[in-house]
Amino acid sequence: MGYEIVLIDSAEKDSLLTALDRSKLYEVRSEIYGCCIKLLTDSNDVRLRFSENFFFASQSIRSHGRLFVLYNAAFPENAVRYDPASKTAFLFNMTYYGWIKSIALALAGDILEDGHGIASCHGACLDRRGEGFAIVGTSGAGKTTQTYGFLLDRAVRAIADDWFFFRIFGEEALAYSSEKNFYIRSDLAAAWPGFAPLLERSDYDAEGRAVVDLRWAIGKGRIFPLTTLRRLLVLTPDAEGVRRLSTEEALFLLETHSYFNPHLLVKSGYKAQLRQQYYRQLLERVEVLLVGRKGTPGETLAVLREIIEGKYPV
């Protein structure tokens, strides 16, 4: 990870707020799965990308969480300070928007898991003919590449490409979207040329990524707000073939890798117990498969498609 999260108390939070000149900050209120997250930043680029990334929230709604993204010479690069009591995060000297938006999602997740029985999953979520499936894995495992490969199939709909929320209703696990538009890499067309027209009209940042409206490429009818989860695919470059995991095996794997989520803001004993409870309930309701990544994106996608279509023997 390229940044460290330091927890602070409310007194230190108040001290940081007192030192700010708010008259020089841009403000954006965004809605992330029912939470109003208020961005305050001195960067117009961050303001524009955040506004494009998330749904707008009414200016009359009080914020549930606040995200300050600022330049401050008194702090090192990519410094993160978080006050759990007030749900206030400070990001100092952070220019990579991918981290900024992930911390915004983690802030909403911190609010939702404490008081609403809703958990976060750092991964993609898709729907094929009414059945939802999620793709998770370590950084570099190829989950994003495979997500967009799936979306070349008109029978597949997008819920989320990077982060979704889930909650349990009886025997069902429902997954919910988190973003209005998606933050993607400029090299996506190298694996899937069908996305080239979308990428050609996108505005890239210094990291070669852009917030894009995926509806331009796949149509409005294929962006869905929720689905019922049936499968969880754990993609890994460190294994071969496909293996079904028991609830305990899957839970151990997820816990060992911090749920494949490096952006969790609070990692206390209470939070660990809470997340274990949420994920155990999820894993008891879905089929979990460990899938070894093959040579090319196309070869891996062929295996994943057979799994989702029920044609792959496990």
C-alpha atoms as a PDB file:
ATOM      1  CA  MET A   1       0.000   0.000   0.000  1.00  0.00           C
ATOM      2  CA  GLY A   2       1.116   3.513  -0.738  1.00  0.00           C
ATOM      3  CA  TYR A   3      -0.471   5.220   2.262  1.00  0.00           C
ATOM      4  CA  GLU A   4      -0.907   4.683   5.986  1.00  0.00           C
ATOM      5  CA  ILE A   5      -4.112   5.400   7.894  1.00  0.00           C
ATOM      6  CA  VAL A   6      -3.554   7.051  11.273  1.00  0.00           C
ATOM      7  CA  LEU A   7      -6.531   7.211  13.633  1.00  0.00           C
ATOM      8  CA  ILE A   8      -6.987  10.471  15.531  1.00  0.00           C
ATOM      9  CA  ASP A   9      -9.328  11.615  18.296  1.00  0.00           C
ATOM     10  CA  SER A  10     -11.891  14.393  18.093  1.00  0.00           C
ATOM     11  CA  ALA A  11      -9.562  16.916  19.733  1.00  0.00           C
ATOM     12  CA  GLU A  12      -6.958  16.459  16.988  1.00  0.00           C
ATOM     13  CA  LYS A  13      -9.709  16.580  14.379  1.00  0.00           C
ATOM     14  CA  ASP A  14     -10.909  19.904  15.786  1.00  0.00           C
ATOM     15  CA  SER A  15      -7.350  21.225  15.726  1.00  0.00           C
ATOM     16  CA  LEU A  16      -6.992  20.348  12.042  1.00  0.00           C
ATOM     17  CA  LEU A  17     -10.338  21.962  11.243  1.00  0.00           C
ATOM     18  CA  THR A  18      -9.436  25.154  13.096  1.00  0.00           C
ATOM     19  CA  ALA A  19      -6.350  25.579  10.923  1.00  0.00           C
ATOM     20  CA  LEU A  20      -8.336  25.410   7.670  1.00  0.00           C
ATOM     21  CA  ASP A  21      -9.447  28.359   5.580  1.00  0.00           C
ATOM     22  CA  ARG A  22     -12.752  26.953   4.365  1.00  0.00           C
ATOM     23  CA  SER A  23     -13.444  29.955   2.150  1.00  0.00           C
ATOM     24  CA  LYS A  24     -10.907  28.534  -0.316  1.00  0.00           C
ATOM     25  CA  LEU A  25     -12.313  25.001  -0.483  1.00  0.00           C
ATOM     26  CA  TYR A  26     -14.596  23.416  -3.053  1.00  0.00           C
ATOM     27  CA  GLU A  27     -17.526  21.475  -1.596  1.00  0.00           C
ATOM     28  CA  VAL A  28     -19.356  18.512  -3.118  1.00  0.00           C
ATOM     29  CA  ARG A  29     -22.078  16.480  -1.425  1.00  0.00           C
ATOM     30  CA  SER A  30     -22.388  12.987  -2.855  1.00  0.00           C
ATOM     31  CA  GLU A  31     -24.691  10.078  -2.102  1.00  0.00           C
ATOM     32  CA  ILE A  32     -23.003   6.706  -1.590  1.00  0.00           C
ATOM     33  CA  TYR A  33     -25.639   4.034  -0.949  1.00  0.00           C
ATOM     34  CA  GLY A  34     -27.760   6.301   1.221  1.00  0.00           C
ATOM     35  CA  CYS A  35     -24.875   8.073   2.962  1.00  0.00           C
ATOM     36  CA  CYS A  36     -24.179  11.736   2.324  1.00  0.00           C
ATOM     37  CA  ILE A  37     -20.402  12.075   2.000  1.00  0.00           C
ATOM     38  CA  LYS A  38     -19.195  15.661   1.889  1.00  0.00           C
ATOM     39  CA  LEU A  39     -15.976  16.360  -0.021  1.00  0.00           C
ATOM     40  CA  LEU A  40     -14.004  19.495   0.838  1.00  0.00           C
ATOM     41  CA  THR A  41     -10.917  20.045  -1.302  1.00  0.00           C
ATOM     42  CA  ASP A  42      -8.532  22.672  -2.607  1.00  0.00           C
ATOM     43  CA  SER A  43      -8.163  20.770  -5.904  1.00  0.00           C
ATOM     44  CA  ASN A  44     -10.517  21.530  -8.768  1.00  0.00           C
ATOM     45  CA  ASP A  45      -9.452  18.301 -10.512  1.00  0.00           C
ATOM     46  CA  VAL A  46     -10.512  16.255  -7.477  1.00  0.00           C
ATOM     47  CA  ARG A  47     -13.801  18.174  -7.302  1.00  0.00           C
ATOM     48  CA  LEU A  48     -14.596  17.451 -10.948  1.00  0.00           C
ATOM     49  CA  ARG A  49     -13.715  13.754 -10.809  1.00  0.00           C
ATOM     50  CA  PHE A  50     -15.591  13.218  -7.539  1.00  0.00           C
ATOM     51  CA  SER A  51     -18.670  14.961  -8.960  1.00  0.00           C
ATOM     52  CA  GLU A  52     -18.566  12.719 -12.021  1.00  0.00           C
ATOM     53  CA  ASN A  53     -17.840   9.550 -10.038  1.00  0.00           C
ATOM     54  CA  PHE A  54     -20.704   9.640  -7.520  1.00  0.00           C
ATOM     55  CA  PHE A  55     -24.379  10.572  -7.458  1.00  0.00           C
ATOM     56  CA  PHE A  56     -25.194  14.061  -6.239  1.00  0.00           C
ATOM     57  CA  ALA A  57     -26.806  14.555  -2.840  1.00  0.00           C
ATOM     58  CA  SER A  58     -29.102  17.446  -1.996  1.00  0.00           C
ATOM     59  CA  GLN A  59     -27.273  20.450  -0.587  1.00  0.00           C
ATOM     60  CA  SER A  60     -29.863  20.607   2.201  1.00  0.00           C
ATOM     61  CA  ILE A  61     -28.885  17.179   3.594  1.00  0.00           C
ATOM     62  CA  ARG A  62     -26.448  17.101   6.498  1.00  0.00           C
ATOM     63  CA  SER A  63     -23.406  14.962   5.846  1.00  0.00           C
ATOM     64  CA  HIS A  64     -22.914  11.570   7.472  1.00  0.00           C
ATOM     65  CA  GLY A  65     -19.186  11.658   6.778  1.00  0.00           C
ATOM     66  CA  ARG A  66     -16.653  14.262   5.647  1.00  0.00           C
ATOM     67  CA  LEU A  67     -13.628  13.887   3.398  1.00  0.00           C
ATOM     68  CA  PHE A  68     -10.988  16.637   3.304  1.00  0.00           C
ATOM     69  CA  VAL A  69      -8.534  16.321   0.393  1.00  0.00           C
ATOM     70  CA  LEU A  70      -5.877  18.998   0.807  1.00  0.00           C
ATOM     71  CA  TYR A  71      -2.322  20.069   0.171  1.00  0.00           C
ATOM     72  CA  ASN A  72      -0.449  20.717   3.418  1.00  0.00           C
ATOM     73  CA  ALA A  73       3.334  21.035   3.585  1.00  0.00           C
ATOM     74  CA  ALA A  74       3.299  20.011   7.256  1.00  0.00           C
ATOM     75  CA  PHE A  75       2.344  16.439   6.295  1.00  0.00           C
ATOM     76  CA  PRO A  76       4.128  13.816   4.191  1.00  0.00           C
ATOM     77  CA  GLU A  77       2.845  12.623   0.849  1.00  0.00           C
ATOM     78  CA  ASN A  78      -0.342  10.521   0.984  1.00  0.00           C
ATOM     79  CA  ALA A  79      -0.978  11.128   4.693  1.00  0.00           C
ATOM     80  CA  VAL A  80      -4.383   9.955   5.964  1.00  0.00           C
ATOM     81  CA  ARG A  81      -5.880  10.958   9.311  1.00  0.00           C
ATOM     82  CA  TYR A  82      -9.255   9.590  10.388  1.00  0.00           C
ATOM     83  CA  ASP A  83     -11.498  10.377  13.344  1.00  0.00           C
ATOM     84  CA  PRO A  84     -13.927   7.437  13.719  1.00  0.00           C
ATOM     85  CA  ALA A  85     -16.137   9.290  16.198  1.00  0.00           C
ATOM     86  CA  SER A  86     -17.117  12.069  13.791  1.00  0.00           C
ATOM     87  CA  LYS A  87     -16.526  10.073  10.577  1.00  0.00           C
ATOM     88  CA  THR A  88     -14.075  12.706   9.340  1.00  0.00           C
ATOM     89  CA  ALA A  89     -11.131  11.816   7.095  1.00  0.00           C
ATOM     90  CA  PHE A  90      -8.222  14.065   6.096  1.00  0.00           C
ATOM     91  CA  LEU A  91      -6.172  13.184   3.017  1.00  0.00           C
ATOM     92  CA  PHE A  92      -3.054  15.316   2.739  1.00  0.00           C
ATOM     93  CA  ASN A  93      -0.929  15.608  -0.409  1.00  0.00           C
ATOM     94  CA  MET A  94      -2.718  12.743  -2.163  1.00  0.00           C
ATOM     95  CA  THR A  95      -2.977  13.063  -5.935  1.00  0.00           C
ATOM     96  CA  TYR A  96      -4.004   9.548  -7.040  1.00  0.00           C
ATOM     97  CA  TYR A  97      -7.758   9.724  -7.455  1.00  0.00           C
ATOM     98  CA  GLY A  98      -8.140   5.951  -7.184  1.00  0.00           C
ATOM     99  CA  TRP A  99      -7.176   6.125  -3.516  1.00  0.00           C
ATOM    100  CA  ILE A 100      -9.330   9.193  -2.886  1.00  0.00           C
ATOM    101  CA  LYS A 101     -12.494   7.559  -4.185  1.00  0.00           C
ATOM    102  CA  SER A 102     -11.690   4.287  -2.397  1.00  0.00           C
ATOM    103  CA  ILE A 103     -11.341   6.116   0.915  1.00  0.00           C
ATOM    104  CA  ALA A 104     -14.668   7.858   0.253  1.00  0.00           C
ATOM    105  CA  LEU A 105     -16.234   4.419  -0.227  1.00  0.00           C
ATOM    106  CA  ALA A 106     -14.491   3.125   2.895  1.00  0.00           C
ATOM    107  CA  LEU A 107     -15.874   6.090   4.836  1.00  0.00           C
ATOM    108  CA  ALA A 108     -19.412   5.202   3.738  1.00  0.00           C
ATOM    109  CA  GLY A 109     -18.659   1.579   4.574  1.00  0.00           C
ATOM    110  CA  ASP A 110     -17.518   2.496   8.072  1.00  0.00           C
ATOM    111  CA  ILE A 111     -20.832   4.256   8.651  1.00  0.00           C
ATOM    112  CA  LEU A 112     -22.958   1.460   7.199  1.00  0.00           C
ATOM    113  CA  GLU A 113     -21.334  -1.500   8.933  1.00  0.00           C
ATOM    114  CA  ASP A 114     -21.575   0.081  12.383  1.00  0.00           C
ATOM    115  CA  GLY A 115     -25.222   1.035  12.456  1.00  0.00           C
ATOM    116  CA  HIS A 116     -27.039  -0.463   9.496  1.00  0.00           C
ATOM    117  CA  GLY A 117     -26.004  -4.100   9.119  1.00  0.00           C
ATOM    118  CA  ILE A 118     -24.439  -3.436   5.712  1.00  0.00           C
ATOM    119  CA  ALA A 119     -20.975  -4.649   4.698  1.00  0.00           C
ATOM    120  CA  SER A 120     -18.489  -3.560   2.032  1.00  0.00           C
ATOM    121  CA  CYS A 121     -16.805  -5.756  -0.559  1.00  0.00           C
ATOM    122  CA  HIS A 122     -13.772  -4.536  -2.492  1.00  0.00           C
ATOM    123  CA  GLY A 123     -14.490  -6.281  -5.762  1.00  0.00           C
ATOM    124  CA  ALA A 124     -16.660  -6.331  -8.849  1.00  0.00           C
ATOM    125  CA  CYS A 125     -20.296  -7.401  -8.942  1.00  0.00           C
ATOM    126  CA  LEU A 126     -22.149  -8.426 -12.090  1.00  0.00           C
ATOM    127  CA  ASP A 127     -25.507  -9.933 -12.967  1.00  0.00           C
ATOM    128  CA  ARG A 128     -26.257 -12.517 -15.650  1.00  0.00           C
ATOM    129  CA  ARG A 129     -29.912 -13.207 -16.352  1.00  0.00           C
ATOM    130  CA  GLY A 130     -30.981 -12.291 -12.825  1.00  0.00           C
ATOM    131  CA  GLU A 131     -28.213 -14.094 -10.935  1.00  0.00           C
ATOM    132  CA  GLY A 132     -25.457 -12.049  -9.341  1.00  0.00           C
ATOM    133  CA  PHE A 133     -21.806 -12.964  -8.988  1.00  0.00           C
ATOM    134  CA  ALA A 134     -18.849 -11.178  -7.458  1.00  0.00           C
ATOM    135  CA  ILE A 135     -15.174 -11.239  -8.443  1.00  0.00           C
ATOM    136  CA  VAL A 136     -12.534 -10.535  -5.789  1.00  0.00           C
ATOM    137  CA  GLY A 137      -8.804 -11.104  -5.524  1.00  0.00           C
ATOM    138  CA  THR A 138      -5.441  -9.605  -4.756  1.00  0.00           C
ATOM    139  CA  SER A 139      -4.185  -6.532  -6.605  1.00  0.00           C
ATOM    140  CA  GLY A 140      -3.028  -7.621 -10.040  1.00  0.00           C
ATOM    141  CA  ALA A 141      -5.103 -10.804 -10.087  1.00  0.00           C
ATOM    142  CA  GLY A 142      -7.058  -9.473 -13.052  1.00  0.00           C
ATOM    143  CA  LYS A 143     -10.502  -8.974 -11.528  1.00  0.00           C
ATOM    144  CA  THR A 144     -11.068  -5.622 -13.265  1.00  0.00           C
ATOM    145  CA  THR A 145      -9.903  -6.959 -16.626  1.00  0.00           C
ATOM    146  CA  GLN A 146     -12.235  -9.950 -16.320  1.00  0.00           C
ATOM    147  CA  THR A 147     -15.114  -7.733 -15.220  1.00  0.00           C
ATOM    148  CA  TYR A 148     -14.983  -5.751 -18.453  1.00  0.00           C
ATOM    149  CA  GLY A 149     -14.518  -8.909 -20.477  1.00  0.00           C
ATOM    150  CA  PHE A 150     -17.799 -10.179 -19.040  1.00  0.00           C
ATOM    151  CA  LEU A 151     -19.498  -6.923 -20.035  1.00  0.00           C
ATOM    152  CA  LEU A 152     -18.901  -7.677 -23.711  1.00  0.00           C
ATOM    153  CA  ASP A 153     -21.711 -10.230 -23.232  1.00  0.00           C
ATOM    154  CA  ARG A 154     -25.102  -8.525 -23.627  1.00  0.00           C
ATOM    155  CA  ALA A 155     -26.626 -10.890 -21.065  1.00  0.00           C
ATOM    156  CA  VAL A 156     -24.369  -9.463 -18.339  1.00  0.00           C
ATOM    157  CA  ARG A 157     -25.181  -6.294 -16.383  1.00  0.00           C
ATOM    158  CA  ALA A 158     -22.876  -4.177 -14.219  1.00  0.00           C
ATOM    159  CA  ILE A 159     -23.564  -3.523 -10.548  1.00  0.00           C
ATOM    160  CA  ALA A 160     -20.047  -2.384  -9.594  1.00  0.00           C
ATOM    161  CA  ASP A 161     -16.548  -2.761 -11.013  1.00  0.00           C
ATOM    162  CA  ASP A 162     -14.538  -2.100  -7.842  1.00  0.00           C
ATOM    163  CA  TRP A 163     -16.672  -1.817  -4.686  1.00  0.00           C
ATOM    164  CA  PHE A 164     -20.157  -2.865  -3.688  1.00  0.00           C
ATOM    165  CA  PHE A 165     -22.199  -3.168  -0.509  1.00  0.00           C
ATOM    166  CA  PHE A 166     -24.110  -6.250   0.603  1.00  0.00           C
ATOM    167  CA  ARG A 167     -26.677  -7.123   3.215  1.00  0.00           C
ATOM    168  CA  ILE A 168     -28.510 -10.263   4.251  1.00  0.00           C
ATOM    169  CA  PHE A 169     -32.280 -10.736   3.965  1.00  0.00           C
ATOM    170  CA  GLY A 170     -33.345 -14.168   5.185  1.00  0.00           C
ATOM    171  CA  GLU A 171     -31.673 -16.756   2.969  1.00  0.00           C
ATOM    172  CA  GLU A 172     -30.637 -14.207   0.334  1.00  0.00           C
ATOM    173  CA  ALA A 173     -27.598 -11.952   0.020  1.00  0.00           C
ATOM    174  CA  LEU A 174     -28.298  -8.753  -1.896  1.00  0.00           C
ATOM    175  CA  ALA A 175     -25.528  -6.680  -3.480  1.00  0.00           C
ATOM    176  CA  TYR A 176     -25.849  -2.946  -4.147  1.00  0.00           C
ATOM    177  CA  SER A 177     -23.989  -0.533  -6.402  1.00  0.00           C
ATOM    178  CA  SER A 178     -21.818   2.244  -5.004  1.00  0.00           C
ATOM    179  CA  GLU A 179     -20.803   4.543  -7.880  1.00  0.00           C
ATOM    180  CA  LYS A 180     -22.538   6.433 -10.674  1.00  0.00           C
ATOM    181  CA  ASN A 181     -19.595   6.178 -13.068  1.00  0.00           C
ATOM    182  CA  PHE A 182     -16.474   4.023 -13.066  1.00  0.00           C
ATOM    183  CA  TYR A 183     -12.756   4.846 -12.836  1.00  0.00           C
ATOM    184  CA  ILE A 184     -10.925   2.793 -15.467  1.00  0.00           C
ATOM    185  CA  ARG A 185      -7.472   2.371 -16.998  1.00  0.00           C
ATOM    186  CA  SER A 186      -6.557   3.700 -20.428  1.00  0.00           C
ATOM    187  CA  ASP A 187      -5.089   0.317 -21.456  1.00  0.00           C
ATOM    188  CA  LEU A 188      -8.387  -1.563 -21.111  1.00  0.00           C
ATOM    189  CA  ALA A 189      -8.757  -1.770 -24.897  1.00  0.00           C
ATOM    190  CA  ALA A 190      -5.516  -3.747 -25.123  1.00  0.00           C
ATOM    191  CA  ALA A 191      -7.386  -6.698 -23.613  1.00  0.00           C
ATOM    192  CA  TRP A 192     -10.861  -5.854 -24.939  1.00  0.00           C
ATOM    193  CA  PRO A 193     -10.806  -3.740 -28.159  1.00  0.00           C
ATOM    194  CA  GLY A 194     -14.573  -3.362 -27.966  1.00  0.00           C
ATOM    195  CA  PHE A 195     -14.085  -0.621 -25.370  1.00  0.00           C
ATOM    196  CA  ALA A 196     -11.799   1.482 -27.601  1.00  0.00           C
ATOM    197  CA  PRO A 197     -14.523   4.001 -28.619  1.00  0.00           C
ATOM    198  CA  LEU A 198     -15.333   4.665 -24.946  1.00  0.00           C
ATOM    199  CA  LEU A 199     -11.675   5.150 -24.055  1.00  0.00           C
ATOM    200  CA  GLU A 200     -11.034   7.501 -26.975  1.00  0.00           C
ATOM    201  CA  ARG A 201     -13.543  10.042 -25.654  1.00  0.00           C
ATOM    202  CA  SER A 202     -12.359   9.927 -22.022  1.00  0.00           C
ATOM    203  CA  ASP A 203     -10.410  12.551 -20.059  1.00  0.00           C
ATOM    204  CA  TYR A 204      -7.398  10.873 -18.436  1.00  0.00           C
ATOM    205  CA  ASP A 205      -5.512  11.959 -15.353  1.00  0.00           C
ATOM    206  CA  ALA A 206      -1.746  11.748 -14.782  1.00  0.00           C
ATOM    207  CA  GLU A 207      -2.097   8.074 -13.798  1.00  0.00           C
ATOM    208  CA  GLY A 208      -3.663   7.188 -17.148  1.00  0.00           C
ATOM    209  CA  ARG A 209      -7.144   6.653 -15.727  1.00  0.00           C
ATOM    210  CA  ALA A 210     -10.494   8.325 -16.251  1.00  0.00           C
ATOM    211  CA  VAL A 211     -13.965   8.441 -14.731  1.00  0.00           C
ATOM    212  CA  VAL A 212     -16.218   7.211 -17.535  1.00  0.00           C
ATOM    213  CA  ASP A 213     -19.914   6.718 -18.122  1.00  0.00           C
ATOM    214  CA  LEU A 214     -20.055   3.024 -19.000  1.00  0.00           C
ATOM    215  CA  ARG A 215     -23.539   3.551 -20.425  1.00  0.00           C
ATOM    216  CA  TRP A 216     -21.859   5.012 -23.531  1.00  0.00           C
ATOM    217  CA  ALA A 217     -20.371   1.586 -24.242  1.00  0.00           C
ATOM    218  CA  ILE A 218     -22.954  -0.950 -23.039  1.00  0.00           C
ATOM    219  CA  GLY A 219     -26.202   1.028 -22.805  1.00  0.00           C
ATOM    220  CA  LYS A 220     -28.321   2.406 -19.964  1.00  0.00           C
ATOM    221  CA  GLY A 221     -30.264  -0.808 -19.479  1.00  0.00           C
ATOM    222  CA  ARG A 222     -27.176  -2.733 -18.388  1.00  0.00           C
ATOM    223  CA  ILE A 223     -26.216  -0.657 -15.345  1.00  0.00           C
ATOM    224  CA  PHE A 224     -28.183  -2.078 -12.419  1.00  0.00           C
ATOM    225  CA  PRO A 225     -28.448  -0.860  -8.800  1.00  0.00           C
ATOM    226  CA  LEU A 226     -28.666  -4.311  -7.167  1.00  0.00           C
ATOM    227  CA  THR A 227     -28.704  -8.070  -7.641  1.00  0.00           C
ATOM    228  CA  THR A 228     -29.069 -11.274  -5.635  1.00  0.00           C
ATOM    229  CA  LEU A 229     -25.639 -12.847  -5.142  1.00  0.00           C
ATOM    230  CA  ARG A 230     -25.264 -16.514  -6.072  1.00  0.00           C
ATOM    231  CA  ARG A 231     -21.494 -16.910  -6.511  1.00  0.00           C
ATOM    232  CA  LEU A 232     -18.265 -15.425  -5.231  1.00  0.00           C
ATOM    233  CA  LEU A 233     -15.251 -15.976  -7.498  1.00  0.00           C
ATOM    234  CA  VAL A 234     -11.837 -15.546  -5.879  1.00  0.00           C
ATOM    235  CA  LEU A 235      -9.375 -14.913  -8.693  1.00  0.00           C
ATOM    236  CA  THR A 236      -5.719 -15.695  -8.005  1.00  0.00           C
ATOM    237  CA  PRO A 237      -2.472 -15.967 -10.007  1.00  0.00           C
ATOM    238  CA  ASP A 238      -1.100 -18.385  -7.384  1.00  0.00           C
ATOM    239  CA  ALA A 239      -3.250 -21.442  -8.117  1.00  0.00           C
ATOM    240  CA  GLU A 240      -4.306 -23.604 -11.028  1.00  0.00           C
ATOM    241  CA  GLY A 241      -7.724 -24.816 -12.023  1.00  0.00           C
ATOM    242  CA  VAL A 242     -10.958 -24.245 -10.124  1.00  0.00           C
ATOM    243  CA  ARG A 243     -11.766 -25.403  -6.605  1.00  0.00           C
ATOM    244  CA  ARG A 244     -14.908 -25.016  -4.534  1.00  0.00           C
ATOM    245  CA  LEU A 245     -14.280 -23.600  -1.046  1.00  0.00           C
ATOM    246  CA  SER A 246     -16.219 -24.376   2.105  1.00  0.00           C
ATOM    247  CA  THR A 247     -17.518 -21.526   4.235  1.00  0.00           C
ATOM    248  CA  GLU A 248     -14.634 -21.925   6.695  1.00  0.00           C
ATOM    249  CA  GLU A 249     -11.985 -22.148   3.954  1.00  0.00           C
ATOM    250  CA  ALA A 250     -13.339 -19.068   2.223  1.00  0.00           C
ATOM    251  CA  LEU A 251     -13.624 -17.093   5.457  1.00  0.00           C
ATOM    252  CA  PHE A 252     -10.038 -17.956   6.420  1.00  0.00           C
ATOM    253  CA  LEU A 253      -8.801 -16.881   2.974  1.00  0.00           C
ATOM    254  CA  LEU A 254     -10.688 -13.586   3.125  1.00  0.00           C
ATOM    255  CA  GLU A 255      -9.586 -12.781   6.674  1.00  0.00           C
ATOM    256  CA  THR A 256      -5.967 -13.636   5.858  1.00  0.00           C
ATOM    257  CA  HIS A 257      -6.030 -11.110   3.010  1.00  0.00           C
ATOM    258  CA  SER A 258      -7.993  -8.454   4.940  1.00  0.00           C
ATOM    259  CA  TYR A 259     -10.986  -9.207   2.696  1.00  0.00           C
ATOM    260  CA  PHE A 260      -8.853  -8.100  -0.277  1.00  0.00           C
ATOM    261  CA  ASN A 261      -9.529  -4.549   0.872  1.00  0.00           C
ATOM    262  CA  PRO A 262      -6.509  -2.347   1.689  1.00  0.00           C
ATOM    263  CA  HIS A 263      -8.728   0.701   2.266  1.00  0.00           C
ATOM    264  CA  LEU A 264     -10.536  -0.308   5.476  1.00  0.00           C
ATOM    265  CA  LEU A 265     -10.298   2.694   7.793  1.00  0.00           C
ATOM    266  CA  VAL A 266     -10.651   0.981  11.180  1.00  0.00           C
ATOM    267  CA  LYS A 267      -9.214  -2.457  12.018  1.00  0.00           C
ATOM    268  CA  SER A 268     -10.126  -2.844  15.686  1.00  0.00           C
ATOM    269  CA  GLY A 269     -11.131  -6.080  17.382  1.00  0.00           C
ATOM    270  CA  TYR A 270     -14.756  -5.007  17.260  1.00  0.00           C
ATOM    271  CA  LYS A 271     -14.545  -4.327  13.533  1.00  0.00           C
ATOM    272  CA  ALA A 272     -12.831  -7.668  12.898  1.00  0.00           C
ATOM    273  CA  GLN A 273     -15.645  -9.485  14.705  1.00  0.00           C
ATOM    274  CA  LEU A 274     -18.297  -7.497  12.852  1.00  0.00           C
ATOM    275  CA  ARG A 275     -16.791  -8.188   9.427  1.00  0.00           C
ATOM    276  CA  GLN A 276     -16.359 -11.858  10.222  1.00  0.00           C
ATOM    277  CA  GLN A 277     -20.050 -12.031  11.116  1.00  0.00           C
ATOM    278  CA  TYR A 278     -21.137 -10.284   7.906  1.00  0.00           C
ATOM    279  CA  TYR A 279     -18.922 -12.392   5.656  1.00  0.00           C
ATOM    280  CA  ARG A 280     -19.809 -15.662   7.326  1.00  0.00           C
ATOM    281  CA  GLN A 281     -23.465 -14.930   6.621  1.00  0.00           C
ATOM    282  CA  LEU A 282     -22.606 -14.125   3.008  1.00  0.00           C
ATOM    283  CA  LEU A 283     -20.454 -17.210   2.465  1.00  0.00           C
ATOM    284  CA  GLU A 284     -23.170 -19.479   3.870  1.00  0.00           C
ATOM    285  CA  ARG A 285     -25.500 -18.252   1.116  1.00  0.00           C
ATOM    286  CA  VAL A 286     -23.311 -18.277  -2.001  1.00  0.00           C
ATOM    287  CA  GLU A 287     -21.122 -20.720  -3.895  1.00  0.00           C
ATOM    288  CA  VAL A 288     -17.447 -19.791  -3.448  1.00  0.00           C
ATOM    289  CA  LEU A 289     -14.886 -20.820  -6.058  1.00  0.00           C
ATOM    290  CA  LEU A 290     -11.130 -20.275  -6.084  1.00  0.00           C
ATOM    291  CA  VAL A 291     -10.135 -19.713  -9.717  1.00  0.00           C
ATOM    292  CA  GLY A 292      -6.556 -19.822 -10.986  1.00  0.00           C
ATOM    293  CA  ARG A 293      -5.751 -17.173 -13.582  1.00  0.00           C
ATOM    294  CA  LYS A 294      -4.747 -18.596 -16.962  1.00  0.00           C
ATOM    295  CA  GLY A 295      -2.278 -17.306 -19.560  1.00  0.00           C
ATOM    296  CA  THR A 296      -4.273 -14.620 -21.367  1.00  0.00           C
ATOM    297  CA  PRO A 297      -7.310 -12.568 -20.300  1.00  0.00           C
ATOM    298  CA  GLY A 298      -9.351 -14.364 -22.943  1.00  0.00           C
ATOM    299  CA  GLU A 299      -8.404 -17.807 -21.623  1.00  0.00           C
ATOM    300  CA  THR A 300      -9.294 -16.845 -18.055  1.00  0.00           C
ATOM    301  CA  LEU A 301     -12.575 -15.308 -19.183  1.00  0.00           C
ATOM    302  CA  ALA A 302     -13.514 -18.512 -21.011  1.00  0.00           C
ATOM    303  CA  VAL A 303     -13.196 -20.473 -17.751  1.00  0.00           C
ATOM    304  CA  LEU A 304     -15.135 -17.873 -15.760  1.00  0.00           C
ATOM    305  CA  ARG A 305     -17.936 -17.837 -18.326  1.00  0.00           C
ATOM    306  CA  GLU A 306     -18.279 -21.611 -18.152  1.00  0.00           C
ATOM    307  CA  ILE A 307     -18.521 -21.372 -14.356  1.00  0.00           C
ATOM    308  CA  ILE A 308     -21.222 -18.696 -14.460  1.00  0.00           C
ATOM    309  CA  GLU A 309     -23.159 -20.589 -17.138  1.00  0.00           C
ATOM    310  CA  GLY A 310     -22.953 -23.793 -15.078  1.00  0.00           C
ATOM    311  CA  LYS A 311     -20.893 -25.645 -17.688  1.00  0.00           C
ATOM    312  CA  TYR A 312     -17.604 -25.993 -15.817  1.00  0.00           C
ATOM    313  CA  PRO A 313     -17.202 -29.203 -13.771  1.00  0.00           C
ATOM    314  CA  VAL A 314     -16.137 -28.398 -10.209  1.00  0.00           C
END
